[in-house]
Amino acid sequence: MKLVKLPDTELEIMKVIWKEGSPISTSQIKAVLDETRPWNVSALQTLLNRLIDRNFLKTFKDGKNKCYESLVEEADYIAFENKSFLERMNHSSITKLVASLYESRNITDEDLEELAHFIEKNTGGTDD
């Protein structure tokens, strides 16, 4: 399946579904979303239908409730977004990304140490 970049409001809904787990009902989604700001049910339903059209969700009835199941894993979407961002903004160079973060002081020396440890660990450099 070909993924597409989601608008922020649709991504906000998907984050709830990924976090809470699926299947999940419309009212459960609304209750979580309402914790940060009030949501209109009809607007939420419109966005859920768009997510179905984009093949991110499937829906079914459970009694009186309309429920949703995720068709896209969160990790797959994050990988898609990260790859797209890296290509667009850093010419697919992770080094340029890290250098830019460091030069703009958005990454600390501790972050760099953690990244170095991650690289060592995942490339056979250490045994931890």
N, C-alpha and C. Protein backbone atom coordinates (compact mmCIF):
# COMPACT_ATOMS: atom_id res chain seq x y z
N MET A 1 0.84 -1.17 0.00
CA MET A 1 0.00 0.00 0.00
C MET A 1 0.89 1.25 0.00
N LYS A 2 0.50 2.23 -0.79
CA LYS A 2 1.25 3.48 -0.88
C LYS A 2 0.73 4.45 0.16
N LEU A 3 1.61 4.90 1.04
CA LEU A 3 1.23 5.84 2.07
C LEU A 3 1.23 7.26 1.53
N VAL A 4 0.41 8.10 2.13
CA VAL A 4 0.37 9.53 1.80
C VAL A 4 0.55 10.31 3.09
N LYS A 5 1.08 11.52 2.96
CA LYS A 5 1.25 12.40 4.12
C LYS A 5 -0.13 12.84 4.60
N LEU A 6 -0.34 12.69 5.89
CA LEU A 6 -1.63 13.07 6.47
C LEU A 6 -1.62 14.53 6.91
N PRO A 7 -2.75 15.22 6.72
CA PRO A 7 -2.89 16.55 7.32
C PRO A 7 -2.82 16.42 8.84
N ASP A 8 -2.46 17.49 9.52
CA ASP A 8 -2.25 17.46 10.97
C ASP A 8 -3.45 16.92 11.76
N THR A 9 -4.67 17.33 11.39
CA THR A 9 -5.84 16.88 12.16
C THR A 9 -6.07 15.37 11.98
N GLU A 10 -5.85 14.85 10.79
CA GLU A 10 -6.00 13.41 10.58
C GLU A 10 -4.90 12.65 11.31
N LEU A 11 -3.71 13.20 11.32
CA LEU A 11 -2.61 12.56 12.05
C LEU A 11 -2.92 12.55 13.55
N GLU A 12 -3.51 13.62 14.05
CA GLU A 12 -3.89 13.69 15.46
C GLU A 12 -4.85 12.54 15.81
N ILE A 13 -5.79 12.27 14.93
CA ILE A 13 -6.74 11.17 15.14
C ILE A 13 -6.02 9.83 15.09
N MET A 14 -5.14 9.65 14.12
CA MET A 14 -4.41 8.39 14.01
C MET A 14 -3.55 8.15 15.24
N LYS A 15 -2.95 9.20 15.79
CA LYS A 15 -2.13 9.05 17.00
C LYS A 15 -2.97 8.51 18.16
N VAL A 16 -4.20 8.98 18.26
CA VAL A 16 -5.10 8.47 19.30
C VAL A 16 -5.37 6.99 19.07
N ILE A 17 -5.66 6.62 17.84
CA ILE A 17 -5.98 5.23 17.53
C ILE A 17 -4.76 4.34 17.78
N TRP A 18 -3.58 4.78 17.37
CA TRP A 18 -2.37 4.00 17.61
C TRP A 18 -2.11 3.85 19.11
N LYS A 19 -2.29 4.93 19.86
CA LYS A 19 -2.00 4.90 21.29
C LYS A 19 -3.02 4.05 22.06
N GLU A 20 -4.28 4.25 21.76
CA GLU A 20 -5.35 3.57 22.49
C GLU A 20 -5.55 2.13 22.03
N GLY A 21 -5.14 1.86 20.79
CA GLY A 21 -5.34 0.52 20.23
C GLY A 21 -6.66 0.42 19.49
N SER A 22 -6.72 -0.50 18.57
CA SER A 22 -7.95 -0.68 17.81
C SER A 22 -8.39 -2.12 17.95
N PRO A 23 -9.69 -2.39 17.84
CA PRO A 23 -10.73 -1.45 17.41
C PRO A 23 -11.08 -0.44 18.50
N ILE A 24 -11.55 0.71 18.02
CA ILE A 24 -11.91 1.82 18.91
C ILE A 24 -13.14 2.50 18.32
N SER A 25 -14.05 2.93 19.20
CA SER A 25 -15.29 3.55 18.73
C SER A 25 -15.11 5.06 18.53
N THR A 26 -16.03 5.63 17.79
CA THR A 26 -16.03 7.08 17.56
C THR A 26 -16.05 7.83 18.89
N SER A 27 -16.90 7.39 19.82
CA SER A 27 -17.01 8.09 21.11
C SER A 27 -15.72 7.97 21.92
N GLN A 28 -15.03 6.84 21.84
CA GLN A 28 -13.75 6.70 22.54
C GLN A 28 -12.70 7.64 21.95
N ILE A 29 -12.67 7.74 20.62
CA ILE A 29 -11.72 8.65 19.95
C ILE A 29 -12.02 10.08 20.38
N LYS A 30 -13.31 10.46 20.33
CA LYS A 30 -13.72 11.82 20.69
C LYS A 30 -13.34 12.13 22.14
N ALA A 31 -13.55 11.19 23.04
CA ALA A 31 -13.24 11.42 24.46
C ALA A 31 -11.77 11.73 24.66
N VAL A 32 -10.90 11.02 23.96
CA VAL A 32 -9.46 11.28 24.10
C VAL A 32 -9.10 12.62 23.48
N LEU A 33 -9.63 12.89 22.29
CA LEU A 33 -9.35 14.17 21.61
C LEU A 33 -9.85 15.36 22.43
N ASP A 34 -11.00 15.19 23.06
CA ASP A 34 -11.60 16.27 23.86
C ASP A 34 -10.77 16.65 25.08
N GLU A 35 -9.83 15.80 25.47
CA GLU A 35 -8.97 16.12 26.61
C GLU A 35 -8.08 17.33 26.33
N THR A 36 -7.76 17.56 25.04
CA THR A 36 -6.91 18.70 24.71
C THR A 36 -7.70 19.89 24.15
N ARG A 37 -8.78 19.59 23.44
CA ARG A 37 -9.67 20.64 22.93
C ARG A 37 -10.97 20.00 22.49
N PRO A 38 -12.08 20.74 22.52
CA PRO A 38 -13.37 20.15 22.13
C PRO A 38 -13.42 19.82 20.63
N TRP A 39 -14.02 18.69 20.32
CA TRP A 39 -14.17 18.26 18.94
C TRP A 39 -15.65 18.13 18.60
N ASN A 40 -16.01 18.58 17.41
CA ASN A 40 -17.35 18.44 16.88
C ASN A 40 -17.49 17.03 16.29
N VAL A 41 -18.54 16.31 16.66
CA VAL A 41 -18.72 14.93 16.22
C VAL A 41 -18.79 14.83 14.70
N SER A 42 -19.50 15.74 14.07
CA SER A 42 -19.63 15.62 12.61
C SER A 42 -18.31 15.90 11.91
N ALA A 43 -17.51 16.84 12.42
CA ALA A 43 -16.18 17.08 11.84
C ALA A 43 -15.28 15.87 12.06
N LEU A 44 -15.36 15.26 13.23
CA LEU A 44 -14.59 14.06 13.51
C LEU A 44 -14.98 12.95 12.55
N GLN A 45 -16.28 12.77 12.34
CA GLN A 45 -16.75 11.73 11.43
C GLN A 45 -16.25 11.96 10.00
N THR A 46 -16.23 13.21 9.58
CA THR A 46 -15.72 13.55 8.25
C THR A 46 -14.24 13.15 8.13
N LEU A 47 -13.46 13.47 9.15
CA LEU A 47 -12.03 13.13 9.13
C LEU A 47 -11.81 11.62 9.19
N LEU A 48 -12.62 10.92 9.97
CA LEU A 48 -12.52 9.46 10.02
C LEU A 48 -12.83 8.86 8.65
N ASN A 49 -13.83 9.41 7.96
CA ASN A 49 -14.15 8.93 6.62
C ASN A 49 -13.02 9.19 5.63
N ARG A 50 -12.34 10.32 5.78
CA ARG A 50 -11.18 10.60 4.92
C ARG A 50 -10.07 9.58 5.18
N LEU A 51 -9.87 9.23 6.46
CA LEU A 51 -8.85 8.23 6.80
C LEU A 51 -9.21 6.86 6.23
N ILE A 52 -10.50 6.56 6.14
CA ILE A 52 -10.94 5.32 5.49
C ILE A 52 -10.63 5.40 4.00
N ASP A 53 -10.96 6.53 3.38
CA ASP A 53 -10.69 6.73 1.94
C ASP A 53 -9.20 6.64 1.62
N ARG A 54 -8.36 7.06 2.55
CA ARG A 54 -6.90 7.02 2.35
C ARG A 54 -6.31 5.65 2.72
N ASN A 55 -7.18 4.71 3.09
CA ASN A 55 -6.78 3.35 3.49
C ASN A 55 -5.94 3.30 4.76
N PHE A 56 -6.18 4.24 5.67
CA PHE A 56 -5.53 4.20 6.98
C PHE A 56 -6.40 3.45 7.99
N LEU A 57 -7.71 3.45 7.75
CA LEU A 57 -8.65 2.81 8.67
C LEU A 57 -9.66 1.96 7.91
N LYS A 58 -10.20 0.98 8.65
CA LYS A 58 -11.40 0.30 8.19
C LYS A 58 -12.41 0.43 9.31
N THR A 59 -13.68 0.30 8.97
CA THR A 59 -14.73 0.50 9.95
C THR A 59 -15.70 -0.67 9.96
N PHE A 60 -16.35 -0.85 11.09
CA PHE A 60 -17.40 -1.86 11.22
C PHE A 60 -18.33 -1.44 12.34
N LYS A 61 -19.52 -2.03 12.37
CA LYS A 61 -20.49 -1.74 13.42
C LYS A 61 -20.35 -2.79 14.52
N ASP A 62 -20.39 -2.32 15.76
CA ASP A 62 -20.40 -3.20 16.93
C ASP A 62 -21.61 -2.77 17.75
N GLY A 63 -22.74 -3.42 17.49
CA GLY A 63 -24.00 -2.97 18.09
C GLY A 63 -24.36 -1.62 17.53
N LYS A 64 -24.52 -0.65 18.43
CA LYS A 64 -24.86 0.71 17.99
C LYS A 64 -23.62 1.54 17.68
N ASN A 65 -22.45 1.02 18.04
CA ASN A 65 -21.21 1.79 17.87
C ASN A 65 -20.56 1.55 16.52
N LYS A 66 -20.02 2.62 15.97
CA LYS A 66 -19.18 2.51 14.78
C LYS A 66 -17.75 2.43 15.29
N CYS A 67 -17.04 1.38 14.89
CA CYS A 67 -15.68 1.17 15.37
C CYS A 67 -14.69 1.24 14.21
N TYR A 68 -13.45 1.51 14.57
CA TYR A 68 -12.39 1.69 13.58
C TYR A 68 -11.19 0.83 13.93
N GLU A 69 -10.56 0.32 12.90
CA GLU A 69 -9.32 -0.43 13.06
C GLU A 69 -8.27 0.19 12.15
N SER A 70 -7.07 0.31 12.67
CA SER A 70 -5.97 0.87 11.90
C SER A 70 -5.49 -0.15 10.88
N LEU A 71 -5.26 0.30 9.67
CA LEU A 71 -4.69 -0.53 8.61
C LEU A 71 -3.21 -0.22 8.40
N VAL A 72 -2.73 0.83 9.06
CA VAL A 72 -1.34 1.27 8.93
C VAL A 72 -0.71 1.28 10.32
N GLU A 73 0.42 0.62 10.44
CA GLU A 73 1.14 0.61 11.71
C GLU A 73 1.80 1.98 11.93
N GLU A 74 1.84 2.40 13.18
CA GLU A 74 2.46 3.68 13.50
C GLU A 74 3.92 3.72 13.04
N ALA A 75 4.65 2.65 13.29
CA ALA A 75 6.07 2.60 12.91
C ALA A 75 6.25 2.76 11.40
N ASP A 76 5.34 2.18 10.61
CA ASP A 76 5.42 2.31 9.15
C ASP A 76 5.18 3.75 8.71
N TYR A 77 4.21 4.42 9.37
CA TYR A 77 3.95 5.82 9.00
C TYR A 77 5.11 6.72 9.41
N ILE A 78 5.65 6.49 10.60
CA ILE A 78 6.80 7.29 11.06
C ILE A 78 7.98 7.12 10.10
N ALA A 79 8.24 5.89 9.69
CA ALA A 79 9.34 5.64 8.75
C ALA A 79 9.09 6.37 7.43
N PHE A 80 7.86 6.34 6.95
CA PHE A 80 7.49 7.05 5.71
C PHE A 80 7.74 8.55 5.85
N GLU A 81 7.25 9.14 6.95
CA GLU A 81 7.41 10.58 7.18
C GLU A 81 8.89 10.95 7.33
N ASN A 82 9.64 10.14 8.09
CA ASN A 82 11.06 10.43 8.30
C ASN A 82 11.83 10.39 6.98
N LYS A 83 11.56 9.38 6.16
CA LYS A 83 12.25 9.26 4.87
C LYS A 83 11.93 10.46 3.98
N SER A 84 10.66 10.83 3.95
CA SER A 84 10.23 11.96 3.13
C SER A 84 10.90 13.25 3.60
N PHE A 85 10.91 13.48 4.92
CA PHE A 85 11.53 14.68 5.48
C PHE A 85 13.02 14.71 5.18
N LEU A 86 13.68 13.58 5.38
CA LEU A 86 15.13 13.51 5.15
C LEU A 86 15.46 13.81 3.68
N GLU A 87 14.66 13.27 2.77
CA GLU A 87 14.88 13.53 1.33
C GLU A 87 14.64 15.00 1.00
N ARG A 88 13.53 15.55 1.47
CA ARG A 88 13.15 16.93 1.14
C ARG A 88 14.08 17.96 1.75
N MET A 89 14.43 17.78 3.01
CA MET A 89 15.12 18.83 3.74
C MET A 89 16.63 18.65 3.84
N ASN A 90 17.11 17.42 3.69
CA ASN A 90 18.53 17.17 3.92
C ASN A 90 19.18 16.34 2.82
N HIS A 91 18.55 16.30 1.67
CA HIS A 91 19.09 15.56 0.52
C HIS A 91 19.47 14.13 0.91
N SER A 92 18.62 13.50 1.73
CA SER A 92 18.80 12.12 2.20
C SER A 92 20.05 11.92 3.04
N SER A 93 20.59 12.98 3.60
CA SER A 93 21.81 12.87 4.42
C SER A 93 21.49 12.99 5.89
N ILE A 94 21.66 11.91 6.62
CA ILE A 94 21.45 11.95 8.06
C ILE A 94 22.51 12.83 8.72
N THR A 95 23.70 12.86 8.15
CA THR A 95 24.77 13.70 8.69
C THR A 95 24.38 15.17 8.61
N LYS A 96 23.81 15.61 7.46
CA LYS A 96 23.36 16.99 7.33
C LYS A 96 22.25 17.31 8.34
N LEU A 97 21.37 16.35 8.57
CA LEU A 97 20.29 16.56 9.53
C LEU A 97 20.86 16.78 10.94
N VAL A 98 21.74 15.88 11.37
CA VAL A 98 22.31 15.99 12.72
C VAL A 98 23.14 17.27 12.84
N ALA A 99 23.93 17.59 11.81
CA ALA A 99 24.74 18.82 11.84
C ALA A 99 23.85 20.05 11.96
N SER A 100 22.76 20.07 11.22
CA SER A 100 21.83 21.19 11.27
C SER A 100 21.21 21.32 12.67
N LEU A 101 20.82 20.19 13.25
CA LEU A 101 20.26 20.21 14.60
C LEU A 101 21.28 20.70 15.61
N TYR A 102 22.51 20.26 15.45
CA TYR A 102 23.57 20.66 16.39
C TYR A 102 23.89 22.15 16.25
N GLU A 103 24.05 22.61 15.02
CA GLU A 103 24.40 24.02 14.78
C GLU A 103 23.29 24.96 15.25
N SER A 104 22.05 24.51 15.20
CA SER A 104 20.94 25.35 15.65
C SER A 104 20.63 25.15 17.13
N ARG A 105 21.48 24.37 17.79
CA ARG A 105 21.36 24.09 19.23
C ARG A 105 20.06 23.38 19.58
N ASN A 106 19.54 22.59 18.65
CA ASN A 106 18.35 21.79 18.91
C ASN A 106 18.68 20.36 19.29
N ILE A 107 19.97 20.07 19.39
CA ILE A 107 20.44 18.76 19.83
C ILE A 107 21.61 19.02 20.78
N THR A 108 21.63 18.30 21.88
CA THR A 108 22.65 18.54 22.90
C THR A 108 23.81 17.57 22.75
N ASP A 109 24.88 17.85 23.48
CA ASP A 109 26.01 16.91 23.51
C ASP A 109 25.56 15.55 24.03
N GLU A 110 24.64 15.55 25.00
CA GLU A 110 24.11 14.30 25.53
C GLU A 110 23.34 13.54 24.44
N ASP A 111 22.57 14.27 23.63
CA ASP A 111 21.86 13.63 22.51
C ASP A 111 22.86 12.99 21.54
N LEU A 112 23.95 13.70 21.27
CA LEU A 112 24.96 13.17 20.36
C LEU A 112 25.62 11.92 20.94
N GLU A 113 25.89 11.93 22.24
CA GLU A 113 26.45 10.74 22.89
C GLU A 113 25.50 9.56 22.79
N GLU A 114 24.22 9.83 23.01
CA GLU A 114 23.21 8.78 22.91
C GLU A 114 23.15 8.24 21.47
N LEU A 115 23.23 9.14 20.50
CA LEU A 115 23.22 8.73 19.10
C LEU A 115 24.46 7.91 18.76
N ALA A 116 25.62 8.33 19.26
CA ALA A 116 26.86 7.59 19.03
C ALA A 116 26.76 6.18 19.62
N HIS A 117 26.20 6.09 20.82
CA HIS A 117 26.03 4.79 21.47
C HIS A 117 25.08 3.91 20.63
N PHE A 118 23.98 4.49 20.15
CA PHE A 118 23.03 3.77 19.31
C PHE A 118 23.71 3.23 18.05
N ILE A 119 24.51 4.07 17.41
CA ILE A 119 25.21 3.65 16.18
C ILE A 119 26.18 2.53 16.48
N GLU A 120 26.98 2.69 17.53
CA GLU A 120 27.92 1.63 17.91
C GLU A 120 27.21 0.31 18.18
N LYS A 121 26.17 0.38 18.96
CA LYS A 121 25.42 -0.82 19.35
C LYS A 121 24.81 -1.52 18.13
N ASN A 122 24.31 -0.74 17.19
CA ASN A 122 23.58 -1.31 16.05
C ASN A 122 24.46 -1.60 14.85
N THR A 123 25.75 -1.29 14.96
CA THR A 123 26.67 -1.63 13.87
C THR A 123 27.74 -2.59 14.34
N GLY A 124 27.50 -3.22 15.48
CA GLY A 124 28.45 -4.21 15.98
C GLY A 124 29.64 -3.65 16.73
N GLY A 125 29.59 -2.36 17.09
CA GLY A 125 30.72 -1.73 17.77
C GLY A 125 30.85 -2.09 19.22
N THR A 126 29.72 -2.43 19.88
CA THR A 126 29.76 -2.83 21.30
C THR A 126 28.88 -4.03 21.51
N ASP A 127 28.98 -4.60 22.69
CA ASP A 127 28.20 -5.79 23.01
C ASP A 127 27.03 -5.53 23.94
N ASP A 128 26.74 -4.25 24.34
CA ASP A 128 25.67 -4.08 25.32
C ASP A 128 24.32 -4.27 24.76
